[in-house]
Amino acid sequence: MRKSILGQKTEAAIIGRYQPVHNGHVGVFEEVDDMGLDRIILAIGLEGKGRTERNPYTFEEIHQMWLPIVRKAKTKVEIFAIPDINDQPNYAEHVEDITGCNQARTIIVSGNQYTLDCFTNFGKHYHVFRPEGKSPMITEAGSSFLNATEVRYRIKNDLKWQHLVPDSTREQIERLNRTNYETAKGGQYAEQRM
């Protein structure tokens, strides 16, 4: 992240769904951690529709993926669940109410333009930063940089994915996959997580 966009900002809110946490997310987090801020708000967006192909992981599972990374941070990190309210004009205020962020001290970091627009329109004037894909690759899912859709695609299609995620994500997904297998083996319905 360019220091020139920080100005007098003392904290950053990194907002995403992290379905799952991958190396690109970690790279952005580490870049923000190196900025010398007082606080990082790690905001985990939740769509509230239960497990879906697009959102196969719960808040707690994503939280577990992030914990080892957050524990190494130089900056104070607070993790928040941000339920989606499907109300773009009021989303920034919703995030403010949950996290305590405000436009005077907080820069908003997200790879989702729709999310960033919530913080620059509708009477809000946050400084925002959209990270560029730092992991260029020709993906199986058809994009040109690493994203969570690519990781989910690879998991679902039994392609190599482990090198695209931190160890904590790999371990969490493998644990969930074992649980699904054991549940299915026991004759019960195993929920599809990918």
Protein backbone atom coordinates (compact mmCIF):
# COMPACT_ATOMS: atom_id res chain seq x y z
CA MET A 1 0.00 0.00 0.00
CA ARG A 2 1.31 3.43 -0.83
CA LYS A 3 2.08 5.52 2.27
CA SER A 4 0.83 8.64 0.48
CA ILE A 5 -2.78 7.47 0.72
CA LEU A 6 -2.59 7.10 4.50
CA GLY A 7 -2.27 10.75 5.45
CA GLN A 8 -3.36 11.02 9.08
CA LYS A 9 -5.05 7.62 9.17
CA THR A 10 -4.30 5.52 12.24
CA GLU A 11 -6.12 2.33 11.35
CA ALA A 12 -7.17 0.19 8.42
CA ALA A 13 -10.29 -1.91 7.99
CA ILE A 14 -9.59 -4.86 5.70
CA ILE A 15 -12.97 -6.10 4.53
CA GLY A 16 -13.60 -9.38 2.72
CA ARG A 17 -15.43 -12.70 2.77
CA TYR A 18 -12.21 -14.78 2.81
CA GLN A 19 -13.88 -17.88 1.37
CA PRO A 20 -11.21 -19.18 2.04
CA VAL A 21 -8.23 -17.15 3.26
CA HIS A 22 -5.51 -17.41 0.59
CA ASN A 23 -1.96 -16.14 0.10
CA GLY A 24 -3.18 -12.97 -1.63
CA HIS A 25 -5.22 -12.04 1.46
CA VAL A 26 -2.20 -12.71 3.65
CA GLY A 27 0.02 -10.53 1.43
CA VAL A 28 -2.38 -7.59 1.73
CA PHE A 29 -2.66 -8.11 5.49
CA GLU A 30 1.14 -8.14 5.85
CA GLU A 31 1.45 -4.99 3.74
CA VAL A 32 -1.06 -3.19 5.97
CA ASP A 33 0.68 -4.55 9.08
CA ASP A 34 3.93 -2.94 7.86
CA MET A 35 2.33 0.53 7.65
CA GLY A 36 2.84 1.37 11.32
CA LEU A 37 -0.84 1.87 12.12
CA ASP A 38 -2.35 1.66 15.61
CA ARG A 39 -5.01 -0.90 14.69
CA ILE A 40 -6.10 -3.27 11.95
CA ILE A 41 -9.76 -4.15 11.74
CA LEU A 42 -10.17 -7.51 10.05
CA ALA A 43 -13.79 -7.49 8.94
CA ILE A 44 -15.19 -10.84 7.82
CA GLY A 45 -18.26 -10.32 5.64
CA LEU A 46 -21.03 -12.88 6.05
CA GLU A 47 -23.88 -13.29 3.58
CA GLY A 48 -26.13 -15.07 6.07
CA LYS A 49 -27.48 -17.69 3.66
CA GLY A 50 -25.81 -20.63 5.37
CA ARG A 51 -23.21 -22.68 3.55
CA THR A 52 -23.28 -22.16 -0.18
CA GLU A 53 -20.85 -22.94 -2.97
CA ARG A 54 -19.77 -19.29 -2.93
CA ASN A 55 -19.57 -19.14 0.89
CA PRO A 56 -18.70 -22.62 2.16
CA TYR A 57 -17.06 -21.53 5.44
CA THR A 58 -18.53 -20.17 8.66
CA PHE A 59 -17.24 -17.14 10.56
CA GLU A 60 -15.58 -19.43 13.12
CA GLU A 61 -13.82 -21.45 10.40
CA ILE A 62 -12.52 -18.28 8.71
CA HIS A 63 -11.50 -16.93 12.12
CA GLN A 64 -9.45 -20.10 12.68
CA MET A 65 -7.80 -19.65 9.27
CA TRP A 66 -6.74 -16.12 10.25
CA LEU A 67 -5.63 -16.69 13.86
CA PRO A 68 -2.04 -17.90 13.27
CA ILE A 69 -1.45 -15.01 10.85
CA VAL A 70 -2.95 -12.40 13.18
CA ARG A 71 -0.88 -13.67 16.11
CA LYS A 72 2.31 -12.76 14.20
CA ALA A 73 1.18 -9.18 13.48
CA LYS A 74 3.08 -6.17 14.76
CA THR A 75 -0.13 -4.16 14.86
CA LYS A 76 -3.08 -4.65 17.20
CA VAL A 77 -5.70 -6.64 15.25
CA GLU A 78 -9.38 -6.96 16.01
CA ILE A 79 -11.54 -9.44 14.12
CA PHE A 80 -15.23 -8.74 13.51
CA ALA A 81 -18.10 -10.60 11.87
CA ILE A 82 -19.95 -8.26 9.51
CA PRO A 83 -23.35 -9.67 8.53
CA ASP A 84 -24.43 -8.45 5.11
CA ILE A 85 -27.46 -6.17 5.23
CA ASN A 86 -27.96 -5.96 1.43
CA ASP A 87 -28.30 -2.19 1.75
CA GLN A 88 -25.46 -0.42 -0.06
CA PRO A 89 -26.37 3.13 1.11
CA ASN A 90 -26.23 2.03 4.77
CA TYR A 91 -23.47 -0.58 4.68
CA ALA A 92 -20.65 1.77 5.76
CA GLU A 93 -22.66 2.91 8.78
CA HIS A 94 -23.38 -0.75 9.58
CA VAL A 95 -19.62 -1.51 9.56
CA GLU A 96 -18.96 1.62 11.65
CA ASP A 97 -21.51 0.50 14.25
CA ILE A 98 -19.88 -2.93 14.58
CA THR A 99 -16.18 -1.98 14.40
CA GLY A 100 -15.98 1.62 15.58
CA CYS A 101 -14.17 2.70 12.40
CA ASN A 102 -14.69 6.22 11.09
CA GLN A 103 -13.67 8.23 8.05
CA ALA A 104 -11.36 10.55 10.01
CA ARG A 105 -8.96 7.79 11.08
CA THR A 106 -9.73 4.67 9.02
CA ILE A 107 -8.68 3.65 5.53
CA ILE A 108 -10.83 0.95 3.94
CA VAL A 109 -9.05 -1.92 2.18
CA SER A 110 -11.01 -4.35 0.01
CA GLY A 111 -10.67 -6.20 -3.26
CA ASN A 112 -14.39 -5.72 -3.86
CA GLN A 113 -15.36 -2.52 -5.69
CA TYR A 114 -18.98 -2.77 -4.53
CA THR A 115 -17.75 -2.70 -0.91
CA LEU A 116 -15.42 0.23 -1.58
CA ASP A 117 -18.27 2.17 -3.21
CA CYS A 118 -20.24 1.90 0.04
CA PHE A 119 -17.49 3.91 1.73
CA THR A 120 -17.07 6.59 -0.93
CA ASN A 121 -20.69 7.22 -1.91
CA PHE A 122 -23.89 7.85 0.03
CA GLY A 123 -22.41 10.71 2.05
CA LYS A 124 -19.29 8.81 3.11
CA HIS A 125 -15.82 10.02 2.20
CA TYR A 126 -13.39 7.34 3.33
CA HIS A 127 -9.98 6.88 1.81
CA VAL A 128 -10.10 3.48 0.14
CA PHE A 129 -7.51 1.14 -1.25
CA ARG A 130 -8.13 -1.73 -3.64
CA PRO A 131 -5.14 -4.09 -3.72
CA GLU A 132 -3.88 -5.16 -7.10
CA GLY A 133 -3.57 -8.89 -7.63
CA LYS A 134 0.00 -9.60 -6.57
CA SER A 135 -0.14 -13.24 -7.60
CA PRO A 136 -0.60 -13.17 -11.38
CA MET A 137 -1.42 -16.55 -12.81
CA ILE A 138 -3.54 -18.14 -15.49
CA THR A 139 -6.22 -19.76 -13.39
CA GLU A 140 -8.38 -22.78 -13.96
CA ALA A 141 -11.47 -20.66 -13.22
CA GLY A 142 -10.49 -18.13 -15.91
CA SER A 143 -9.21 -15.10 -13.98
CA SER A 144 -5.73 -13.63 -14.21
CA PHE A 145 -4.86 -13.41 -10.51
CA LEU A 146 -5.26 -15.45 -7.36
CA ASN A 147 -8.67 -15.18 -5.74
CA ALA A 148 -10.86 -17.29 -3.46
CA THR A 149 -13.02 -18.38 -6.39
CA GLU A 150 -9.94 -20.03 -7.91
CA VAL A 151 -9.12 -21.80 -4.64
CA ARG A 152 -12.70 -23.10 -4.27
CA TYR A 153 -12.71 -24.21 -7.91
CA ARG A 154 -9.50 -26.18 -7.41
CA ILE A 155 -10.75 -27.80 -4.19
CA LYS A 156 -14.05 -28.78 -5.80
CA ASN A 157 -12.32 -30.24 -8.88
CA ASP A 158 -9.54 -32.07 -7.02
CA LEU A 159 -6.80 -29.84 -8.46
CA LYS A 160 -3.73 -28.66 -6.55
CA TRP A 161 -4.75 -25.82 -4.24
CA GLN A 162 -2.63 -26.23 -1.10
CA HIS A 163 0.18 -23.98 -2.37
CA LEU A 164 -2.30 -21.07 -2.79
CA VAL A 165 -3.24 -20.84 0.89
CA PRO A 166 -1.46 -20.43 4.23
CA ASP A 167 -0.97 -23.55 6.37
CA SER A 168 -3.80 -22.52 8.71
CA THR A 169 -6.29 -22.51 5.81
CA ARG A 170 -5.02 -25.81 4.44
CA GLU A 171 -5.28 -27.44 7.87
CA GLN A 172 -8.79 -26.08 8.46
CA ILE A 173 -10.05 -27.23 5.05
CA GLU A 174 -8.47 -30.66 5.39
CA ARG A 175 -10.06 -31.03 8.86
CA LEU A 176 -13.46 -30.07 7.44
CA ASN A 177 -13.04 -32.49 4.53
CA ARG A 178 -12.18 -35.34 6.95
CA THR A 179 -15.27 -34.51 9.01
CA ASN A 180 -17.43 -34.57 5.87
CA TYR A 181 -15.97 -37.92 4.80
CA GLU A 182 -16.49 -39.45 8.25
CA THR A 183 -20.06 -38.14 8.40
CA ALA A 184 -20.83 -39.57 4.95
CA LYS A 185 -19.20 -42.88 5.85
CA GLY A 186 -21.46 -43.10 8.91
CA GLY A 187 -24.53 -43.03 6.67
CA GLN A 188 -25.53 -39.49 7.48
CA TYR A 189 -25.87 -36.68 4.96
CA ALA A 190 -22.53 -34.92 4.56
CA GLU A 191 -22.90 -31.27 3.79
CA GLN A 192 -20.96 -30.22 0.69
CA ARG A 193 -18.49 -27.56 1.85
CA MET A 194 -16.85 -26.63 -1.43
